[in-house]
Amino acid sequence: MRTSEPGRSPRTTATAGYSTLLKTIKAEGLLDRAAGFYIKVFSVLAVLTAGTGAAMAVIGDSWFQLIPAAVLGILFTQFAFLAHEASHRQVFSSGPANDKAGRLIANLIVGISYQWWMNKHNRHHANPNTIGKDPDIEQDTVSFLPEQAQARSGFMAWLTRRQGWAFFPLLTGEGVNLHVQSIKYLFTARKVQGRATELAMVFSRLGLYTAAVFVFLPAGKAAAFLAVQLAVFGVYMGASFAPNHKGMPLIPEGSRIDFLSRQVLTSRNITGRFTGVFMGGLNYQAEHHLFPSMPRPHLARAAELTRAYCQEQKIPYTETTLLRSYANVITYLNKVGLSGRDPFECPMVSAYRPS
C-alpha cells in the first residue's frame, strides 16, 4: 500500500500521481487528435458496407442472404465504435465537430440515439463499477450484484442461477434492446438536446432499412435477415464491452478513492494481436478510462507508460487474453447468480422438482 509523503495527505499524493502520469502522456503527444486515422477507418467501413449491399444484389432471393446479414451486424458494430470515439472527442479538435460526426454515425448508420449513449456512457465513465452510480451494473435481465440476484423470483430466479452460461446467448437479443432503450430515452427523458432531430434520424434509419430489406427479399427471408443482423450486432457489442469491467472489483457507494486507482482497479485490459481491431480500441480499457479523449492509435503506447507507472506505484494493473476474460465474466456472473439461491434449497431436490 502506498504511503504519502510527509506533510501531504493521501488524497493530495494520489492526485499528484495521476498528474505525473498525465504530464508524461501529454509530453509524448498521445492526446493529439487523429482525424486522419478515423477518416480512413470510416472510408474502409463505408466501402465494405457498399460491397455488402452489392453482394446482396448478386445473391438475390436465397438463404445465402444470411451471410451479408451477419456481415452487416459486424460493420454496424464497427461504426458504433466510431460513434463512441467521437463522443469522447477523439476524432476532431472541435467538440461540435465530434458531436456532429458521432450523431450522424450513431443515429443514421447504427440506428441508436447518440444522446442516449452519451448520457449513459458518461455516467459509467465517471463511476465505473461503483454501486448505485454506474448504469452498466444496474439490474437488467442479468444481475450484476448479489442483492439483485436475491431479489429475483420465479423464472427470472431460475435464469439468474444460470446467467453466466446464458450470458452470450442472451446477447443475441441485445441488438433489439439497444434500439428500444435509445428510442425510449428519446421519448421519456425530461431533457434531450436535439430530441426531434434524433427521433427523425433514428426512425428514418430504422424505417428505411427495414423497408428496403422487405422490398428486396420475401417476407420470411427478410425477417430472418433482420434477426441474424441484430443478433450478430448484439453479441458483438456485448462481447466487446463486457470483458472490460465485469468481474473486476466493485466500489461501494459513497467510497472515496482517487481517480487513478478508481479507473485502473475496475478495468481489465485485453491482450492479443488483433484485439485492437476487434474491440475498437476498447481492449485498452484502463487507458481509455484514464484518458477518454485519447485516439485509438495512441492507446498502445499509453498502455506501456501506464503499466510501468502502476507497477512503480504498486497499483494492480490487470491484463488478460480475450478468451480468459470471457471465462472470468461467465464465472463472475454465475457466482452472483448462485448467491440468489435459497440457502435451504437442496440442489438434488430442486433438480427434479416440477417447475
Protein backbone atom coordinates (compact mmCIF):
# COMPACT_ATOMS: atom_id res chain seq x y z
CA MET A 1 0.00 0.00 0.00
CA ARG A 2 1.34 3.43 -0.89
CA THR A 3 2.16 5.93 1.82
CA SER A 4 2.03 9.69 1.38
CA GLU A 5 4.99 11.98 1.64
CA PRO A 6 5.49 13.83 4.97
CA GLY A 7 3.15 16.80 5.17
CA ARG A 8 0.96 15.60 2.28
CA SER A 9 -2.40 13.89 2.56
CA PRO A 10 -3.00 10.57 0.74
CA ARG A 11 -5.59 12.33 -1.43
CA THR A 12 -3.08 15.00 -2.47
CA THR A 13 -0.45 12.36 -3.23
CA ALA A 14 -2.91 10.32 -5.34
CA THR A 15 -3.94 13.39 -7.31
CA ALA A 16 -0.31 14.28 -7.89
CA GLY A 17 0.28 10.69 -9.05
CA TYR A 18 -2.28 10.99 -11.83
CA SER A 19 -0.96 14.43 -12.75
CA THR A 20 2.53 12.96 -13.15
CA LEU A 21 1.28 10.25 -15.50
CA LEU A 22 -0.86 12.74 -17.43
CA LYS A 23 2.13 15.04 -17.88
CA THR A 24 4.13 12.16 -19.41
CA ILE A 25 1.24 11.27 -21.71
CA LYS A 26 0.89 14.86 -22.92
CA ALA A 27 4.63 15.21 -23.44
CA GLU A 28 4.53 12.38 -25.99
CA GLY A 29 1.61 13.94 -27.82
CA LEU A 30 -0.67 10.98 -27.11
CA LEU A 31 -3.69 13.22 -26.59
CA ASP A 32 -3.35 14.80 -30.02
CA ARG A 33 -6.38 14.08 -32.21
CA ALA A 34 -6.15 11.57 -35.07
CA ALA A 35 -8.72 12.72 -37.61
CA GLY A 36 -6.81 11.13 -40.49
CA PHE A 37 -6.92 7.68 -38.87
CA TYR A 38 -10.66 7.87 -38.27
CA ILE A 39 -11.41 9.15 -41.76
CA LYS A 40 -9.53 6.14 -43.15
CA VAL A 41 -11.42 3.71 -40.90
CA PHE A 42 -14.76 5.28 -41.81
CA SER A 43 -13.89 5.09 -45.52
CA VAL A 44 -12.96 1.41 -45.26
CA LEU A 45 -16.20 0.63 -43.42
CA ALA A 46 -18.22 2.59 -45.98
CA VAL A 47 -16.63 0.64 -48.85
CA LEU A 48 -17.23 -2.66 -47.07
CA THR A 49 -20.86 -1.73 -46.43
CA ALA A 50 -21.37 -0.81 -50.08
CA GLY A 51 -19.71 -4.08 -51.07
CA THR A 52 -22.06 -5.99 -48.80
CA GLY A 53 -25.01 -4.30 -50.48
CA ALA A 54 -23.63 -5.29 -53.88
CA ALA A 55 -23.21 -8.88 -52.67
CA MET A 56 -26.86 -8.90 -51.61
CA ALA A 57 -27.89 -7.81 -55.09
CA VAL A 58 -25.83 -10.62 -56.66
CA ILE A 59 -27.11 -13.29 -54.24
CA GLY A 60 -30.76 -12.39 -54.82
CA ASP A 61 -33.62 -14.48 -53.43
CA SER A 62 -31.60 -17.01 -51.46
CA TRP A 63 -31.00 -18.06 -47.86
CA PHE A 64 -27.36 -17.21 -48.50
CA GLN A 65 -28.52 -13.64 -47.76
CA LEU A 66 -27.95 -14.51 -44.10
CA ILE A 67 -24.21 -14.21 -44.76
CA PRO A 68 -24.32 -10.49 -45.68
CA ALA A 69 -26.79 -10.05 -42.80
CA ALA A 70 -24.11 -11.27 -40.39
CA VAL A 71 -21.52 -9.08 -42.09
CA LEU A 72 -23.74 -6.03 -41.61
CA GLY A 73 -24.04 -6.88 -37.91
CA ILE A 74 -20.26 -6.70 -37.70
CA LEU A 75 -20.00 -3.50 -39.74
CA PHE A 76 -22.69 -1.69 -37.73
CA THR A 77 -20.76 -2.56 -34.56
CA GLN A 78 -17.59 -1.13 -36.07
CA PHE A 79 -19.49 2.05 -36.91
CA ALA A 80 -20.74 2.12 -33.31
CA PHE A 81 -17.11 2.12 -32.16
CA LEU A 82 -16.52 5.24 -34.25
CA ALA A 83 -19.56 6.97 -32.77
CA HIS A 84 -18.31 6.05 -29.31
CA GLU A 85 -14.89 7.53 -30.06
CA ALA A 86 -16.42 10.71 -31.47
CA SER A 87 -18.46 11.09 -28.28
CA HIS A 88 -15.16 11.11 -26.37
CA ARG A 89 -13.72 13.87 -28.61
CA GLN A 90 -11.06 11.55 -30.05
CA VAL A 91 -11.55 12.44 -33.71
CA PHE A 92 -11.55 16.22 -34.16
CA SER A 93 -10.19 19.04 -32.01
CA SER A 94 -13.59 20.74 -32.15
CA GLY A 95 -16.27 19.47 -29.75
CA PRO A 96 -19.18 20.37 -32.07
CA ALA A 97 -17.46 18.60 -34.98
CA ASN A 98 -17.12 15.43 -32.90
CA ASP A 99 -20.76 15.63 -31.84
CA LYS A 100 -21.93 16.12 -35.40
CA ALA A 101 -19.93 13.15 -36.66
CA GLY A 102 -20.99 10.98 -33.74
CA ARG A 103 -24.66 11.91 -34.12
CA LEU A 104 -24.67 11.15 -37.85
CA ILE A 105 -22.94 7.79 -37.39
CA ALA A 106 -24.93 6.68 -34.34
CA ASN A 107 -28.37 7.79 -35.50
CA LEU A 108 -28.26 7.40 -39.28
CA ILE A 109 -25.93 4.41 -39.67
CA VAL A 110 -26.22 2.39 -36.46
CA GLY A 111 -29.78 3.45 -35.61
CA ILE A 112 -29.13 4.24 -31.94
CA SER A 113 -29.60 7.59 -30.22
CA TYR A 114 -26.33 9.46 -29.78
CA GLN A 115 -27.66 11.47 -26.83
CA TRP A 116 -28.85 8.32 -25.06
CA TRP A 117 -25.42 6.77 -25.46
CA MET A 118 -23.67 9.94 -24.27
CA ASN A 119 -25.85 10.19 -21.17
CA LYS A 120 -25.43 6.54 -20.18
CA HIS A 121 -21.77 6.17 -21.08
CA ASN A 122 -20.61 9.39 -19.40
CA ARG A 123 -22.20 8.25 -16.13
CA HIS A 124 -20.34 4.96 -16.45
CA HIS A 125 -17.02 6.69 -17.07
CA ALA A 126 -17.43 8.91 -14.02
CA ASN A 127 -18.08 5.96 -11.70
CA PRO A 128 -17.07 2.60 -13.22
CA ASN A 129 -18.24 -0.41 -11.20
CA THR A 130 -19.49 1.92 -8.46
CA ILE A 131 -22.63 0.57 -6.81
CA GLY A 132 -25.56 2.94 -7.18
CA LYS A 133 -23.84 5.13 -9.75
CA ASP A 134 -22.65 3.04 -12.69
CA PRO A 135 -25.61 2.36 -15.05
CA ASP A 136 -23.75 -0.61 -16.53
CA ILE A 137 -24.22 -2.64 -13.33
CA GLU A 138 -27.86 -1.73 -12.73
CA GLN A 139 -30.44 -4.52 -12.61
CA ASP A 140 -31.29 -5.86 -16.06
CA THR A 141 -32.03 -9.29 -17.47
CA VAL A 142 -28.64 -10.18 -15.97
CA SER A 143 -27.94 -9.48 -12.28
CA PHE A 144 -24.54 -7.95 -11.60
CA LEU A 145 -24.80 -7.74 -7.80
CA PRO A 146 -25.75 -10.40 -5.21
CA GLU A 147 -28.61 -8.30 -3.86
CA GLN A 148 -30.05 -8.08 -7.36
CA ALA A 149 -29.94 -11.86 -7.72
CA GLN A 150 -31.54 -12.33 -4.31
CA ALA A 151 -34.49 -10.16 -5.35
CA ARG A 152 -35.37 -12.43 -8.28
CA SER A 153 -38.30 -14.84 -8.22
CA GLY A 154 -39.98 -17.37 -10.49
CA PHE A 155 -38.46 -17.90 -13.91
CA MET A 156 -36.03 -14.99 -13.51
CA ALA A 157 -34.62 -16.60 -10.36
CA TRP A 158 -34.09 -19.83 -12.29
CA LEU A 159 -32.40 -17.95 -15.14
CA THR A 160 -30.26 -15.89 -12.78
CA ARG A 161 -28.77 -19.01 -11.20
CA ARG A 162 -27.53 -19.95 -14.69
CA GLN A 163 -26.90 -16.44 -16.02
CA GLY A 164 -23.19 -16.89 -16.62
CA TRP A 165 -23.79 -19.70 -19.10
CA ALA A 166 -26.78 -17.85 -20.54
CA PHE A 167 -24.95 -14.53 -20.93
CA PHE A 168 -23.73 -14.87 -24.51
CA PRO A 169 -26.96 -16.49 -25.79
CA LEU A 170 -28.87 -13.62 -24.16
CA LEU A 171 -26.73 -11.13 -26.09
CA THR A 172 -28.50 -12.23 -29.29
CA GLY A 173 -31.34 -10.00 -28.10
CA GLU A 174 -29.12 -7.10 -27.07
CA GLY A 175 -29.24 -5.51 -30.54
CA VAL A 176 -33.01 -5.08 -30.28
CA ASN A 177 -32.67 -3.92 -26.67
CA LEU A 178 -30.19 -1.18 -27.60
CA HIS A 179 -32.54 0.20 -30.26
CA VAL A 180 -35.54 0.03 -27.91
CA GLN A 181 -33.77 1.65 -24.96
CA SER A 182 -32.43 4.52 -27.04
CA ILE A 183 -35.86 5.25 -28.52
CA LYS A 184 -37.46 5.02 -25.08
CA TYR A 185 -34.93 7.54 -23.81
CA LEU A 186 -35.71 9.98 -26.61
CA PHE A 187 -39.42 9.83 -25.79
CA THR A 188 -39.28 9.83 -21.99
CA ALA A 189 -36.17 11.71 -20.84
CA ARG A 190 -37.01 15.11 -19.39
CA LYS A 191 -34.32 16.95 -21.32
CA VAL A 192 -32.71 15.75 -24.54
CA GLN A 193 -30.60 18.02 -26.72
CA GLY A 194 -31.89 17.82 -30.28
CA ARG A 195 -34.67 15.39 -29.36
CA ALA A 196 -36.75 15.95 -32.51
CA THR A 197 -33.72 15.70 -34.78
CA GLU A 198 -32.54 12.44 -33.22
CA LEU A 199 -36.01 10.91 -33.36
CA ALA A 200 -36.30 11.80 -37.04
CA MET A 201 -32.85 10.38 -37.79
CA VAL A 202 -33.30 7.14 -35.85
CA PHE A 203 -36.76 6.39 -37.25
CA SER A 204 -35.61 7.27 -40.78
CA ARG A 205 -32.70 4.87 -40.50
CA LEU A 206 -34.70 2.02 -38.94
CA GLY A 207 -37.72 2.53 -41.18
CA LEU A 208 -35.91 2.84 -44.49
CA TYR A 209 -33.52 -0.01 -43.72
CA THR A 210 -36.30 -2.38 -42.67
CA ALA A 211 -38.46 -1.41 -45.64
CA ALA A 212 -35.58 -1.94 -48.07
CA VAL A 213 -34.93 -5.43 -46.72
CA PHE A 214 -38.61 -6.42 -47.03
CA VAL A 215 -38.86 -4.95 -50.54
CA PHE A 216 -35.73 -6.76 -51.68
CA LEU A 217 -36.48 -10.14 -50.05
CA PRO A 218 -39.60 -12.28 -49.46
CA ALA A 219 -41.11 -11.74 -46.00
CA GLY A 220 -39.65 -14.91 -44.43
CA LYS A 221 -36.13 -14.32 -45.66
CA ALA A 222 -36.37 -10.62 -44.81
CA ALA A 223 -37.37 -11.41 -41.23
CA ALA A 224 -34.54 -13.93 -40.93
CA PHE A 225 -32.11 -11.39 -42.41
CA LEU A 226 -33.01 -8.78 -39.79
CA ALA A 227 -32.93 -11.37 -37.00
CA VAL A 228 -29.42 -12.50 -37.92
CA GLN A 229 -28.12 -8.96 -38.37
CA LEU A 230 -29.50 -7.84 -35.00
CA ALA A 231 -28.28 -10.98 -33.24
CA VAL A 232 -24.71 -10.58 -34.55
CA PHE A 233 -24.79 -6.87 -33.70
CA GLY A 234 -25.93 -7.60 -30.13
CA VAL A 235 -23.42 -10.38 -29.50
CA TYR A 236 -20.55 -8.36 -30.98
CA MET A 237 -21.41 -5.26 -28.95
CA GLY A 238 -21.73 -7.25 -25.74
CA ALA A 239 -18.60 -9.28 -26.42
CA SER A 240 -16.66 -6.03 -26.88
CA PHE A 241 -17.89 -4.12 -23.82
CA ALA A 242 -18.49 -6.88 -21.23
CA PRO A 243 -14.86 -8.04 -20.76
CA ASN A 244 -13.71 -4.59 -19.68
CA HIS A 245 -15.29 -4.36 -16.20
CA LYS A 246 -17.46 -7.40 -15.43
CA GLY A 247 -15.85 -9.40 -12.66
CA MET A 248 -13.49 -6.60 -11.67
CA PRO A 249 -13.62 -5.06 -8.16
CA LEU A 250 -16.80 -3.23 -7.20
CA ILE A 251 -16.65 0.09 -5.37
CA PRO A 252 -19.20 0.53 -2.56
CA GLU A 253 -21.49 3.52 -2.86
CA GLY A 254 -20.08 6.52 -1.03
CA SER A 255 -16.47 5.29 -1.08
CA ARG A 256 -13.73 7.83 -1.62
CA ILE A 257 -10.99 6.68 -3.96
CA ASP A 258 -8.63 8.67 -6.15
CA PHE A 259 -9.25 8.90 -9.89
CA LEU A 260 -6.20 6.89 -10.97
CA SER A 261 -6.94 3.96 -8.67
CA ARG A 262 -10.66 4.00 -9.42
CA GLN A 263 -10.15 3.72 -13.16
CA VAL A 264 -7.30 1.19 -13.12
CA LEU A 265 -8.61 -1.14 -10.40
CA THR A 266 -12.01 -1.52 -12.07
CA SER A 267 -10.69 -2.03 -15.61
CA ARG A 268 -9.39 -5.12 -17.40
CA ASN A 269 -7.16 -4.76 -20.47
CA ILE A 270 -7.34 -7.41 -23.19
CA THR A 271 -4.15 -8.57 -24.84
CA GLY A 272 -3.77 -10.08 -28.29
CA ARG A 273 -2.57 -9.16 -31.77
CA PHE A 274 -5.92 -8.28 -33.33
CA THR A 275 -7.93 -7.24 -30.28
CA GLY A 276 -7.49 -3.55 -31.11
CA VAL A 277 -9.32 -4.00 -34.40
CA PHE A 278 -11.87 -6.44 -32.97
CA MET A 279 -12.75 -4.24 -29.97
CA GLY A 280 -12.32 -0.80 -31.50
CA GLY A 281 -9.63 0.17 -29.00
CA LEU A 282 -11.69 -0.95 -26.00
CA ASN A 283 -9.05 -3.58 -25.26
CA TYR A 284 -7.03 -0.76 -23.66
CA GLN A 285 -9.77 -0.10 -21.13
CA ALA A 286 -7.63 1.29 -18.32
CA GLU A 287 -6.06 3.87 -20.63
CA HIS A 288 -9.42 4.66 -22.22
CA HIS A 289 -10.82 5.47 -18.78
CA LEU A 290 -7.79 7.43 -17.65
CA PHE A 291 -7.59 9.44 -20.90
CA PRO A 292 -11.06 9.30 -22.55
CA SER A 293 -10.14 11.72 -25.34
CA MET A 294 -7.09 9.70 -26.41
CA PRO A 295 -7.41 8.43 -30.02
CA ARG A 296 -7.28 4.70 -30.67
CA PRO A 297 -3.84 4.69 -32.43
CA HIS A 298 -2.16 6.13 -29.31
CA LEU A 299 -3.55 3.70 -26.72
CA ALA A 300 -0.87 1.02 -27.15
CA ARG A 301 1.95 3.43 -26.25
CA ALA A 302 -0.13 4.87 -23.40
CA ALA A 303 -0.58 1.34 -22.06
CA GLU A 304 3.19 0.87 -21.88
CA LEU A 305 3.56 4.07 -19.86
CA THR A 306 0.57 3.38 -17.63
CA ARG A 307 1.58 -0.21 -16.91
CA ALA A 308 5.07 0.87 -15.86
CA TYR A 309 3.73 3.71 -13.73
CA CYS A 310 1.21 1.47 -11.97
CA GLN A 311 3.94 -1.08 -11.20
CA GLU A 312 6.05 1.73 -9.74
CA GLN A 313 3.12 2.96 -7.61
CA LYS A 314 2.04 -0.58 -6.57
CA ILE A 315 -1.38 -0.25 -8.22
CA PRO A 316 -2.73 -3.58 -9.56
CA TYR A 317 -2.93 -3.42 -13.36
CA THR A 318 -4.99 -6.22 -14.93
CA GLU A 319 -4.33 -7.74 -18.35
CA THR A 320 -5.60 -11.00 -19.80
CA THR A 321 -6.49 -12.67 -23.08
CA LEU A 322 -9.89 -12.30 -24.71
CA LEU A 323 -10.92 -15.91 -24.04
CA ARG A 324 -9.77 -15.72 -20.43
CA SER A 325 -11.75 -12.51 -19.97
CA TYR A 326 -14.89 -14.25 -21.23
CA ALA A 327 -14.26 -17.11 -18.80
CA ASN A 328 -13.88 -14.57 -15.98
CA VAL A 329 -17.16 -12.89 -16.93
CA ILE A 330 -19.04 -16.20 -17.02
CA THR A 331 -17.55 -17.29 -13.68
CA TYR A 332 -18.42 -13.98 -12.04
CA LEU A 333 -22.00 -13.90 -13.31
CA ASN A 334 -22.57 -17.50 -12.22
CA LYS A 335 -21.21 -16.68 -8.77
CA VAL A 336 -23.55 -13.69 -8.48
CA GLY A 337 -26.47 -15.73 -9.79
CA LEU A 338 -25.92 -18.53 -7.29
CA SER A 339 -25.88 -16.01 -4.44
CA GLY A 340 -29.60 -15.61 -5.01
CA ARG A 341 -30.29 -19.29 -4.39
CA ASP A 342 -32.33 -20.27 -1.36
CA PRO A 343 -29.71 -21.47 1.19
CA PHE A 344 -32.14 -24.12 2.44
CA GLU A 345 -32.87 -25.49 -1.01
CA CYS A 346 -31.48 -28.95 -1.73
CA PRO A 347 -29.86 -28.95 -5.21
CA MET A 348 -30.85 -32.59 -5.80
CA VAL A 349 -34.49 -32.00 -4.88
CA SER A 350 -34.54 -28.78 -6.92
CA ALA A 351 -33.25 -30.59 -9.99
CA TYR A 352 -36.20 -33.00 -10.00
CA ARG A 353 -38.91 -30.65 -8.71
CA PRO A 354 -41.53 -29.72 -11.36
CA SER A 355 -41.06 -26.13 -12.48
